[in-house]
PDB file of N, CA and C in Angstrom:
ATOM      1  N   UNK A   1      56.529  23.159  91.857  1.00  0.00           N
ATOM      2  CA  UNK A   1      56.910  21.777  91.976  1.00  0.00           C
ATOM      3  C   UNK A   1      55.665  20.976  92.341  1.00  0.00           C
ATOM      4  N   UNK A   2      55.676  19.720  91.976  1.00  0.00           N
ATOM      5  CA  UNK A   2      54.533  18.847  92.271  1.00  0.00           C
ATOM      6  C   UNK A   2      55.036  17.536  92.862  1.00  0.00           C
ATOM      7  N   UNK A   3      54.273  17.023  93.796  1.00  0.00           N
ATOM      8  CA  UNK A   3      54.540  15.724  94.407  1.00  0.00           C
ATOM      9  C   UNK A   3      53.278  14.900  94.336  1.00  0.00           C
ATOM     10  N   UNK A   4      53.421  13.611  94.095  1.00  0.00           N
ATOM     11  CA  UNK A   4      52.298  12.685  94.146  1.00  0.00           C
ATOM     12  C   UNK A   4      52.370  11.991  95.498  1.00  0.00           C
ATOM     13  N   UNK A   5      51.352  12.198  96.327  1.00  0.00           N
ATOM     14  CA  UNK A   5      51.304  11.643  97.678  1.00  0.00           C
ATOM     15  C   UNK A   5      50.322  10.491  97.675  1.00  0.00           C
ATOM     16  N   UNK A   6      50.793   9.308  98.123  1.00  0.00           N
ATOM     17  CA  UNK A   6      49.967   8.103  98.131  1.00  0.00           C
ATOM     18  C   UNK A   6      49.689   7.693  99.576  1.00  0.00           C
ATOM     19  N   UNK A   7      48.461   7.283  99.857  1.00  0.00           N
ATOM     20  CA  UNK A   7      48.046   6.846 101.192  1.00  0.00           C
ATOM     21  C   UNK A   7      48.000   5.327 101.236  1.00  0.00           C
ATOM     22  N   UNK A   8      48.968   4.712 101.919  1.00  0.00           N
ATOM     23  CA  UNK A   8      49.010   3.259 102.102  1.00  0.00           C
ATOM     24  C   UNK A   8      48.277   2.806 103.360  1.00  0.00           C
ATOM     25  N   UNK A   9      47.763   3.744 104.125  1.00  0.00           N
ATOM     26  CA  UNK A   9      47.083   3.409 105.377  1.00  0.00           C
ATOM     27  C   UNK A   9      45.679   2.872 105.108  1.00  0.00           C
ATOM     28  N   UNK A  10      45.100   2.124 106.074  1.00  0.00           N
ATOM     29  CA  UNK A  10      43.760   1.562 105.875  1.00  0.00           C
ATOM     30  C   UNK A  10      42.625   2.573 106.079  1.00  0.00           C
ATOM     31  N   UNK A  11      42.975   3.817 106.436  1.00  0.00           N
ATOM     32  CA  UNK A  11      41.962   4.864 106.656  1.00  0.00           C
ATOM     33  C   UNK A  11      42.304   6.090 105.809  1.00  0.00           C
ATOM     34  N   UNK A  12      41.316   6.928 105.600  1.00  0.00           N
ATOM     35  CA  UNK A  12      41.539   8.170 104.847  1.00  0.00           C
ATOM     36  C   UNK A  12      42.391   9.136 105.672  1.00  0.00           C
ATOM     37  N   UNK A  13      43.236   9.904 104.997  1.00  0.00           N
ATOM     38  CA  UNK A  13      44.053  10.935 105.640  1.00  0.00           C
ATOM     39  C   UNK A  13      43.548  12.310 105.235  1.00  0.00           C
ATOM     40  N   UNK A  14      43.358  13.159 106.224  1.00  0.00           N
ATOM     41  CA  UNK A  14      43.008  14.553 105.952  1.00  0.00           C
ATOM     42  C   UNK A  14      44.300  15.362 105.951  1.00  0.00           C
ATOM     43  N   UNK A  15      44.524  16.131 104.895  1.00  0.00           N
ATOM     44  CA  UNK A  15      45.703  16.986 104.792  1.00  0.00           C
ATOM     45  C   UNK A  15      45.333  18.386 105.251  1.00  0.00           C
ATOM     46  N   UNK A  16      46.108  18.931 106.212  1.00  0.00           N
ATOM     47  CA  UNK A  16      45.791  20.222 106.802  1.00  0.00           C
ATOM     48  C   UNK A  16      46.745  21.344 106.386  1.00  0.00           C
ATOM     49  N   UNK A  17      48.039  21.066 106.392  1.00  0.00           N
ATOM     50  CA  UNK A  17      49.049  22.073 106.079  1.00  0.00           C
ATOM     51  C   UNK A  17      50.226  21.418 105.382  1.00  0.00           C
ATOM     52  N   UNK A  18      50.987  22.239 104.668  1.00  0.00           N
ATOM     53  CA  UNK A  18      52.236  21.787 104.056  1.00  0.00           C
ATOM     54  C   UNK A  18      53.232  22.921 104.106  1.00  0.00           C
ATOM     55  N   UNK A  19      54.505  22.574 104.211  1.00  0.00           N
ATOM     56  CA  UNK A  19      55.539  23.586 104.087  1.00  0.00           C
ATOM     57  C   UNK A  19      56.833  22.951 103.609  1.00  0.00           C
ATOM     58  N   UNK A  20      57.650  23.788 102.982  1.00  0.00           N
ATOM     59  CA  UNK A  20      58.931  23.384 102.419  1.00  0.00           C
ATOM     60  C   UNK A  20      59.950  24.384 102.978  1.00  0.00           C
ATOM     61  N   UNK A  21      60.625  24.037 104.106  1.00  0.00           N
ATOM     62  CA  UNK A  21      61.354  25.050 104.868  1.00  0.00           C
ATOM     63  C   UNK A  21      62.831  25.261 104.537  1.00  0.00           C
ATOM     64  N   UNK A  22      63.425  24.541 103.604  1.00  0.00           N
ATOM     65  CA  UNK A  22      64.870  24.657 103.370  1.00  0.00           C
ATOM     66  C   UNK A  22      65.230  26.051 102.837  1.00  0.00           C
ATOM     67  N   UNK A  23      66.356  26.597 103.263  1.00  0.00           N
ATOM     68  CA  UNK A  23      66.777  27.929 102.844  1.00  0.00           C
ATOM     69  C   UNK A  23      67.102  28.034 101.362  1.00  0.00           C
ATOM     70  N   UNK A  24      67.526  26.932 100.736  1.00  0.00           N
ATOM     71  CA  UNK A  24      67.902  26.965  99.315  1.00  0.00           C
ATOM     72  C   UNK A  24      66.854  26.311  98.419  1.00  0.00           C
ATOM     73  N   UNK A  25      65.758  25.850  99.004  1.00  0.00           N
ATOM     74  CA  UNK A  25      64.641  25.238  98.273  1.00  0.00           C
ATOM     75  C   UNK A  25      63.422  25.444  99.153  1.00  0.00           C
ATOM     76  N   UNK A  26      62.797  26.639  99.057  1.00  0.00           N
ATOM     77  CA  UNK A  26      61.816  27.080 100.048  1.00  0.00           C
ATOM     78  C   UNK A  26      60.467  27.362  99.420  1.00  0.00           C
ATOM     79  N   UNK A  27      59.437  26.881 100.121  1.00  0.00           N
ATOM     80  CA  UNK A  27      58.067  27.197  99.746  1.00  0.00           C
ATOM     81  C   UNK A  27      57.649  28.529 100.344  1.00  0.00           C
ATOM     82  N   UNK A  28      56.420  28.909 100.103  1.00  0.00           N
ATOM     83  CA  UNK A  28      55.884  30.201 100.550  1.00  0.00           C
ATOM     84  C   UNK A  28      55.278  30.100 101.939  1.00  0.00           C
ATOM     85  N   UNK A  29      56.027  29.592 102.907  1.00  0.00           N
ATOM     86  CA  UNK A  29      55.529  29.476 104.274  1.00  0.00           C
ATOM     87  C   UNK A  29      54.623  28.265 104.445  1.00  0.00           C
ATOM     88  N   UNK A  30      53.901  28.263 105.540  1.00  0.00           N
ATOM     89  CA  UNK A  30      52.973  27.169 105.826  1.00  0.00           C
ATOM     90  C   UNK A  30      51.710  27.390 105.010  1.00  0.00           C
ATOM     91  N   UNK A  31      51.384  26.408 104.186  1.00  0.00           N
ATOM     92  CA  UNK A  31      50.249  26.534 103.274  1.00  0.00           C
ATOM     93  C   UNK A  31      49.083  25.679 103.745  1.00  0.00           C
ATOM     94  N   UNK A  32      47.902  26.265 103.890  1.00  0.00           N
ATOM     95  CA  UNK A  32      46.736  25.474 104.306  1.00  0.00           C
ATOM     96  C   UNK A  32      46.286  24.550 103.175  1.00  0.00           C
ATOM     97  N   UNK A  33      45.913  23.351 103.553  1.00  0.00           N
ATOM     98  CA  UNK A  33      45.374  22.373 102.614  1.00  0.00           C
ATOM     99  C   UNK A  33      43.998  21.951 103.098  1.00  0.00           C
ATOM    100  N   UNK A  34      43.155  21.564 102.193  1.00  0.00           N
ATOM    101  CA  UNK A  34      41.833  21.039 102.534  1.00  0.00           C
ATOM    102  C   UNK A  34      41.574  19.873 101.597  1.00  0.00           C
ATOM    103  N   UNK A  35      42.302  18.779 101.847  1.00  0.00           N
ATOM    104  CA  UNK A  35      42.186  17.620 100.966  1.00  0.00           C
ATOM    105  C   UNK A  35      42.097  16.355 101.806  1.00  0.00           C
ATOM    106  N   UNK A  36      41.503  15.342 101.218  1.00  0.00           N
ATOM    107  CA  UNK A  36      41.420  14.025 101.831  1.00  0.00           C
ATOM    108  C   UNK A  36      41.960  13.025 100.819  1.00  0.00           C
ATOM    109  N   UNK A  37      42.833  12.145 101.291  1.00  0.00           N
ATOM    110  CA  UNK A  37      43.322  11.055 100.446  1.00  0.00           C
ATOM    111  C   UNK A  37      42.749   9.765 101.015  1.00  0.00           C
ATOM    112  N   UNK A  38      41.892   9.143 100.255  1.00  0.00           N
ATOM    113  CA  UNK A  38      41.269   7.896 100.701  1.00  0.00           C
ATOM    114  C   UNK A  38      42.313   6.781 100.801  1.00  0.00           C
ATOM    115  N   UNK A  39      42.002   5.745 101.558  1.00  0.00           N
ATOM    116  CA  UNK A  39      42.885   4.593 101.675  1.00  0.00           C
ATOM    117  C   UNK A  39      43.193   4.046 100.281  1.00  0.00           C
ATOM    118  N   UNK A  40      44.473   3.887  99.991  1.00  0.00           N
ATOM    119  CA  UNK A  40      44.880   3.390  98.680  1.00  0.00           C
ATOM    120  C   UNK A  40      44.886   4.431  97.588  1.00  0.00           C
ATOM    121  N   UNK A  41      44.478   5.649  97.911  1.00  0.00           N
ATOM    122  CA  UNK A  41      44.386   6.717  96.917  1.00  0.00           C
ATOM    123  C   UNK A  41      45.623   7.587  96.880  1.00  0.00           C
ATOM    124  N   UNK A  42      45.641   8.502  95.931  1.00  0.00           N
ATOM    125  CA  UNK A  42      46.752   9.435  95.756  1.00  0.00           C
ATOM    126  C   UNK A  42      46.214  10.833  95.496  1.00  0.00           C
ATOM    127  N   UNK A  43      47.064  11.809  95.763  1.00  0.00           N
ATOM    128  CA  UNK A  43      46.735  13.202  95.453  1.00  0.00           C
ATOM    129  C   UNK A  43      47.998  13.888  94.956  1.00  0.00           C
ATOM    130  N   UNK A  44      47.826  14.723  93.956  1.00  0.00           N
ATOM    131  CA  UNK A  44      48.934  15.519  93.430  1.00  0.00           C
ATOM    132  C   UNK A  44      48.917  16.858  94.151  1.00  0.00           C
ATOM    133  N   UNK A  45      50.028  17.198  94.784  1.00  0.00           N
ATOM    134  CA  UNK A  45      50.160  18.465  95.497  1.00  0.00           C
ATOM    135  C   UNK A  45      51.168  19.336  94.761  1.00  0.00           C
ATOM    136  N   UNK A  46      50.773  20.575  94.465  1.00  0.00           N
ATOM    137  CA  UNK A  46      51.644  21.507  93.757  1.00  0.00           C
ATOM    138  C   UNK A  46      51.898  22.729  94.621  1.00  0.00           C
ATOM    139  N   UNK A  47      53.177  23.135  94.674  1.00  0.00           N
ATOM    140  CA  UNK A  47      53.574  24.287  95.472  1.00  0.00           C
ATOM    141  C   UNK A  47      54.587  25.121  94.707  1.00  0.00           C
ATOM    142  N   UNK A  48      54.541  26.422  94.886  1.00  0.00           N
ATOM    143  CA  UNK A  48      55.583  27.295  94.359  1.00  0.00           C
ATOM    144  C   UNK A  48      56.792  27.176  95.273  1.00  0.00           C
ATOM    145  N   UNK A  49      57.962  27.063  94.667  1.00  0.00           N
ATOM    146  CA  UNK A  49      59.196  26.913  95.425  1.00  0.00           C
ATOM    147  C   UNK A  49      60.222  27.903  94.894  1.00  0.00           C
ATOM    148  N   UNK A  50      60.921  28.572  95.813  1.00  0.00           N
ATOM    149  CA  UNK A  50      61.996  29.485  95.429  1.00  0.00           C
ATOM    150  C   UNK A  50      63.319  28.740  95.519  1.00  0.00           C
ATOM    151  N   UNK A  51      64.074  28.753  94.424  1.00  0.00           N
ATOM    152  CA  UNK A  51      65.398  28.133  94.380  1.00  0.00           C
ATOM    153  C   UNK A  51      66.174  28.773  93.246  1.00  0.00           C
ATOM    154  N   UNK A  52      67.433  29.067  93.485  1.00  0.00           N
ATOM    155  CA  UNK A  52      68.270  29.637  92.425  1.00  0.00           C
ATOM    156  C   UNK A  52      69.683  29.087  92.559  1.00  0.00           C
ATOM    157  N   UNK A  53      69.817  27.836  92.248  1.00  0.00           N
ATOM    158  CA  UNK A  53      71.105  27.160  92.340  1.00  0.00           C
ATOM    159  C   UNK A  53      71.765  27.094  90.964  1.00  0.00           C
ATOM    160  N   UNK A  54      73.045  26.877  90.956  1.00  0.00           N
ATOM    161  CA  UNK A  54      73.794  26.757  89.707  1.00  0.00           C
ATOM    162  C   UNK A  54      73.458  25.434  89.017  1.00  0.00           C
ATOM    163  N   UNK A  55      73.513  25.408  87.688  1.00  0.00           N
ATOM    164  CA  UNK A  55      73.298  24.144  86.961  1.00  0.00           C
ATOM    165  C   UNK A  55      74.255  23.063  87.481  1.00  0.00           C
ATOM    166  N   UNK A  56      73.715  21.851  87.658  1.00  0.00           N
ATOM    167  CA  UNK A  56      74.517  20.725  88.122  1.00  0.00           C
ATOM    168  C   UNK A  56      74.702  20.647  89.619  1.00  0.00           C
ATOM    169  N   UNK A  57      74.175  21.598  90.383  1.00  0.00           N
ATOM    170  CA  UNK A  57      74.341  21.565  91.839  1.00  0.00           C
ATOM    171  C   UNK A  57      73.267  20.704  92.493  1.00  0.00           C
ATOM    172  N   UNK A  58      73.482  20.410  93.766  1.00  0.00           N
ATOM    173  CA  UNK A  58      72.546  19.596  94.545  1.00  0.00           C
ATOM    174  C   UNK A  58      72.315  20.241  95.896  1.00  0.00           C
ATOM    175  N   UNK A  59      71.073  20.277  96.331  1.00  0.00           N
ATOM    176  CA  UNK A  59      70.709  20.726  97.676  1.00  0.00           C
ATOM    177  C   UNK A  59      70.345  19.475  98.471  1.00  0.00           C
ATOM    178  N   UNK A  60      71.012  19.267  99.596  1.00  0.00           N
ATOM    179  CA  UNK A  60      70.763  18.117 100.459  1.00  0.00           C
ATOM    180  C   UNK A  60      69.785  18.485 101.573  1.00  0.00           C
ATOM    181  N   UNK A  61      69.069  17.497 102.061  1.00  0.00           N
ATOM    182  CA  UNK A  61      68.203  17.618 103.246  1.00  0.00           C
ATOM    183  C   UNK A  61      67.090  18.646 103.110  1.00  0.00           C
ATOM    184  N   UNK A  62      66.507  18.742 101.929  1.00  0.00           N
ATOM    185  CA  UNK A  62      65.294  19.546 101.763  1.00  0.00           C
ATOM    186  C   UNK A  62      64.115  18.696 102.252  1.00  0.00           C
ATOM    187  N   UNK A  63      63.044  19.344 102.679  1.00  0.00           N
ATOM    188  CA  UNK A  63      61.885  18.619 103.203  1.00  0.00           C
ATOM    189  C   UNK A  63      60.586  19.156 102.621  1.00  0.00           C
ATOM    190  N   UNK A  64      59.660  18.238 102.387  1.00  0.00           N
ATOM    191  CA  UNK A  64      58.250  18.553 102.235  1.00  0.00           C
ATOM    192  C   UNK A  64      57.614  18.019 103.507  1.00  0.00           C
ATOM    193  N   UNK A  65      56.975  18.887 104.282  1.00  0.00           N
ATOM    194  CA  UNK A  65      56.363  18.485 105.548  1.00  0.00           C
ATOM    195  C   UNK A  65      54.854  18.647 105.408  1.00  0.00           C
ATOM    196  N   UNK A  66      54.132  17.585 105.739  1.00  0.00           N
ATOM    197  CA  UNK A  66      52.670  17.605 105.691  1.00  0.00           C
ATOM    198  C   UNK A  66      52.115  17.392 107.088  1.00  0.00           C
ATOM    199  N   UNK A  67      51.122  18.173 107.459  1.00  0.00           N
ATOM    200  CA  UNK A  67      50.395  17.946 108.707  1.00  0.00           C
ATOM    201  C   UNK A  67      49.094  17.261 108.320  1.00  0.00           C
ATOM    202  N   UNK A  68      48.874  16.054 108.860  1.00  0.00           N
ATOM    203  CA  UNK A  68      47.713  15.244 108.476  1.00  0.00           C
ATOM    204  C   UNK A  68      47.023  14.707 109.719  1.00  0.00           C
ATOM    205  N   UNK A  69      45.801  14.198 109.520  1.00  0.00           N
ATOM    206  CA  UNK A  69      45.097  13.525 110.608  1.00  0.00           C
ATOM    207  C   UNK A  69      44.214  12.425 110.048  1.00  0.00           C
ATOM    208  N   UNK A  70      43.880  11.515 110.943  1.00  0.00           N
ATOM    209  CA  UNK A  70      42.916  10.450 110.672  1.00  0.00           C
ATOM    210  C   UNK A  70      42.167  10.231 111.972  1.00  0.00           C
ATOM    211  N   UNK A  71      40.901  10.579 111.990  1.00  0.00           N
ATOM    212  CA  UNK A  71      40.136  10.486 113.231  1.00  0.00           C
ATOM    213  C   UNK A  71      40.724  11.409 114.273  1.00  0.00           C
ATOM    214  N   UNK A  72      41.003  10.880 115.461  1.00  0.00           N
ATOM    215  CA  UNK A  72      41.543  11.688 116.556  1.00  0.00           C
ATOM    216  C   UNK A  72      43.072  11.733 116.556  1.00  0.00           C
ATOM    217  N   UNK A  73      43.712  11.053 115.627  1.00  0.00           N
ATOM    218  CA  UNK A  73      45.177  11.018 115.565  1.00  0.00           C
ATOM    219  C   UNK A  73      45.699  12.021 114.548  1.00  0.00           C
ATOM    220  N   UNK A  74      46.857  12.614 114.867  1.00  0.00           N
ATOM    221  CA  UNK A  74      47.459  13.597 113.961  1.00  0.00           C
ATOM    222  C   UNK A  74      48.953  13.333 113.865  1.00  0.00           C
ATOM    223  N   UNK A  75      49.516  13.592 112.678  1.00  0.00           N
ATOM    224  CA  UNK A  75      50.935  13.374 112.438  1.00  0.00           C
ATOM    225  C   UNK A  75      51.499  14.480 111.573  1.00  0.00           C
ATOM    226  N   UNK A  76      52.806  14.556 111.617  1.00  0.00           N
ATOM    227  CA  UNK A  76      53.556  15.297 110.608  1.00  0.00           C
ATOM    228  C   UNK A  76      54.297  14.252 109.787  1.00  0.00           C
ATOM    229  N   UNK A  77      54.215  14.397 108.498  1.00  0.00           N
ATOM    230  CA  UNK A  77      54.919  13.511 107.582  1.00  0.00           C
ATOM    231  C   UNK A  77      56.071  14.307 106.986  1.00  0.00           C
ATOM    232  N   UNK A  78      57.276  13.757 107.093  1.00  0.00           N
ATOM    233  CA  UNK A  78      58.480  14.419 106.603  1.00  0.00           C
ATOM    234  C   UNK A  78      59.028  13.640 105.415  1.00  0.00           C
ATOM    235  N   UNK A  79      59.002  14.241 104.237  1.00  0.00           N
ATOM    236  CA  UNK A  79      59.611  13.641 103.051  1.00  0.00           C
ATOM    237  C   UNK A  79      60.956  14.343 102.852  1.00  0.00           C
ATOM    238  N   UNK A  80      62.037  13.652 103.242  1.00  0.00           N
ATOM    239  CA  UNK A  80      63.379  14.234 103.076  1.00  0.00           C
ATOM    240  C   UNK A  80      63.867  13.928 101.675  1.00  0.00           C
ATOM    241  N   UNK A  81      64.442  14.930 101.037  1.00  0.00           N
ATOM    242  CA  UNK A  81      64.878  14.740  99.653  1.00  0.00           C
ATOM    243  C   UNK A  81      66.166  15.491  99.385  1.00  0.00           C
ATOM    244  N   UNK A  82      66.783  15.098  98.302  1.00  0.00           N
ATOM    245  CA  UNK A  82      67.851  15.914  97.739  1.00  0.00           C
ATOM    246  C   UNK A  82      67.260  16.516  96.480  1.00  0.00           C
ATOM    247  N   UNK A  83      67.708  17.705  96.137  1.00  0.00           N
ATOM    248  CA  UNK A  83      67.197  18.398  94.963  1.00  0.00           C
ATOM    249  C   UNK A  83      68.361  18.595  94.009  1.00  0.00           C
ATOM    250  N   UNK A  84      68.263  17.967  92.851  1.00  0.00           N
ATOM    251  CA  UNK A  84      69.297  18.089  91.836  1.00  0.00           C
ATOM    252  C   UNK A  84      68.856  19.118  90.803  1.00  0.00           C
ATOM    253  N   UNK A  85      69.779  19.981  90.400  1.00  0.00           N
ATOM    254  CA  UNK A  85      69.504  21.006  89.404  1.00  0.00           C
ATOM    255  C   UNK A  85      70.157  20.578  88.094  1.00  0.00           C
ATOM    256  N   UNK A  86      69.360  20.471  87.031  1.00  0.00           N
ATOM    257  CA  UNK A  86      69.884  19.988  85.751  1.00  0.00           C
ATOM    258  C   UNK A  86      70.717  21.064  85.054  1.00  0.00           C
ATOM    259  N   UNK A  87      71.090  20.802  83.809  1.00  0.00           N
ATOM    260  CA  UNK A  87      71.961  21.715  83.051  1.00  0.00           C
ATOM    261  C   UNK A  87      71.334  23.086  82.830  1.00  0.00           C
ATOM    262  N   UNK A  88      70.006  23.184  82.922  1.00  0.00           N
ATOM    263  CA  UNK A  88      69.316  24.476  82.801  1.00  0.00           C
ATOM    264  C   UNK A  88      68.928  25.029  84.170  1.00  0.00           C
ATOM    265  N   UNK A  89      69.445  24.426  85.239  1.00  0.00           N
ATOM    266  CA  UNK A  89      69.163  24.820  86.626  1.00  0.00           C
ATOM    267  C   UNK A  89      67.708  24.592  87.022  1.00  0.00           C
ATOM    268  N   UNK A  90      67.035  23.639  86.373  1.00  0.00           N
ATOM    269  CA  UNK A  90      65.671  23.260  86.755  1.00  0.00           C
ATOM    270  C   UNK A  90      65.767  22.259  87.905  1.00  0.00           C
ATOM    271  N   UNK A  91      65.083  22.519  89.027  1.00  0.00           N
ATOM    272  CA  UNK A  91      65.178  21.612  90.169  1.00  0.00           C
ATOM    273  C   UNK A  91      64.407  20.314  89.958  1.00  0.00           C
ATOM    274  N   UNK A  92      65.002  19.209  90.450  1.00  0.00           N
ATOM    275  CA  UNK A  92      64.352  17.906  90.417  1.00  0.00           C
ATOM    276  C   UNK A  92      64.477  17.296  91.809  1.00  0.00           C
ATOM    277  N   UNK A  93      63.399  17.365  92.614  1.00  0.00           N
ATOM    278  CA  UNK A  93      63.456  16.781  93.955  1.00  0.00           C
ATOM    279  C   UNK A  93      63.378  15.256  93.887  1.00  0.00           C
ATOM    280  N   UNK A  94      64.229  14.599  94.680  1.00  0.00           N
ATOM    281  CA  UNK A  94      64.273  13.142  94.743  1.00  0.00           C
ATOM    282  C   UNK A  94      64.067  12.746  96.206  1.00  0.00           C
ATOM    283  N   UNK A  95      62.921  12.153  96.508  1.00  0.00           N
ATOM    284  CA  UNK A  95      62.615  11.765  97.886  1.00  0.00           C
ATOM    285  C   UNK A  95      63.515  10.601  98.280  1.00  0.00           C
ATOM    286  N   UNK A  96      64.201  10.751  99.410  1.00  0.00           N
ATOM    287  CA  UNK A  96      65.119   9.722  99.893  1.00  0.00           C
ATOM    288  C   UNK A  96      64.536   8.904 101.029  1.00  0.00           C
ATOM    289  N   UNK A  97      63.749   9.541 101.903  1.00  0.00           N
ATOM    290  CA  UNK A  97      63.140   8.818 103.020  1.00  0.00           C
ATOM    291  C   UNK A  97      61.905   9.588 103.488  1.00  0.00           C
ATOM    292  N   UNK A  98      60.904   8.851 103.960  1.00  0.00           N
ATOM    293  CA  UNK A  98      59.696   9.437 104.530  1.00  0.00           C
ATOM    294  C   UNK A  98      59.545   8.929 105.948  1.00  0.00           C
ATOM    295  N   UNK A  99      59.391   9.861 106.900  1.00  0.00           N
ATOM    296  CA  UNK A  99      59.194   9.500 108.306  1.00  0.00           C
ATOM    297  C   UNK A  99      57.972  10.249 108.828  1.00  0.00           C
ATOM    298  N   UNK A 100      57.490   9.823 109.991  1.00  0.00           N
ATOM    299  CA  UNK A 100      56.341  10.478 110.608  1.00  0.00           C
ATOM    300  C   UNK A 100      56.633  10.782 112.068  1.00  0.00           C
ATOM    301  N   UNK A 101      55.894  11.734 112.597  1.00  0.00           N
ATOM    302  CA  UNK A 101      55.980  12.099 114.000  1.00  0.00           C
ATOM    303  C   UNK A 101      54.585  12.476 114.453  1.00  0.00           C
ATOM    304  N   UNK A 102      54.157  11.952 115.609  1.00  0.00           N
ATOM    305  CA  UNK A 102      52.848  12.356 116.136  1.00  0.00           C
ATOM    306  C   UNK A 102      52.875  13.831 116.461  1.00  0.00           C
ATOM    307  N   UNK A 103      51.739  14.475 116.240  1.00  0.00           N
ATOM    308  CA  UNK A 103      51.631  15.893 116.582  1.00  0.00           C
ATOM    309  C   UNK A 103      50.288  16.157 117.214  1.00  0.00           C
ATOM    310  N   UNK A 104      50.179  17.307 117.835  1.00  0.00           N
ATOM    311  CA  UNK A 104      48.908  17.734 118.414  1.00  0.00           C
ATOM    312  C   UNK A 104      48.129  18.478 117.354  1.00  0.00           C
ATOM    313  N   UNK A 105      46.837  18.244 117.302  1.00  0.00           N
ATOM    314  CA  UNK A 105      46.001  18.947 116.329  1.00  0.00           C
ATOM    315  C   UNK A 105      45.704  20.334 116.769  1.00  0.00           C
TER     316      UNK A 105
END
């Protein structure tokens, strides 16, 4: 799966880790990242995801979680989504809300 992550902040964001923890739409654990998204810039992030849902089903409350920093500040970014499976059971994640939480580096 791939996500396009855009930085609307006035400073560059350093991406440190990512994970997709849902039981029915799960990534391969916590994945280290070494990327920087400049202010106003975007980055395409691709991850392998395990999912085996029936065609036409939906998984609610899946998350893409990113650990990021800018200078001395650090956050976790939570992209909450629902994942719809088409007629061939191909997953299509739809981001519903993005929130942040301060974290320790």
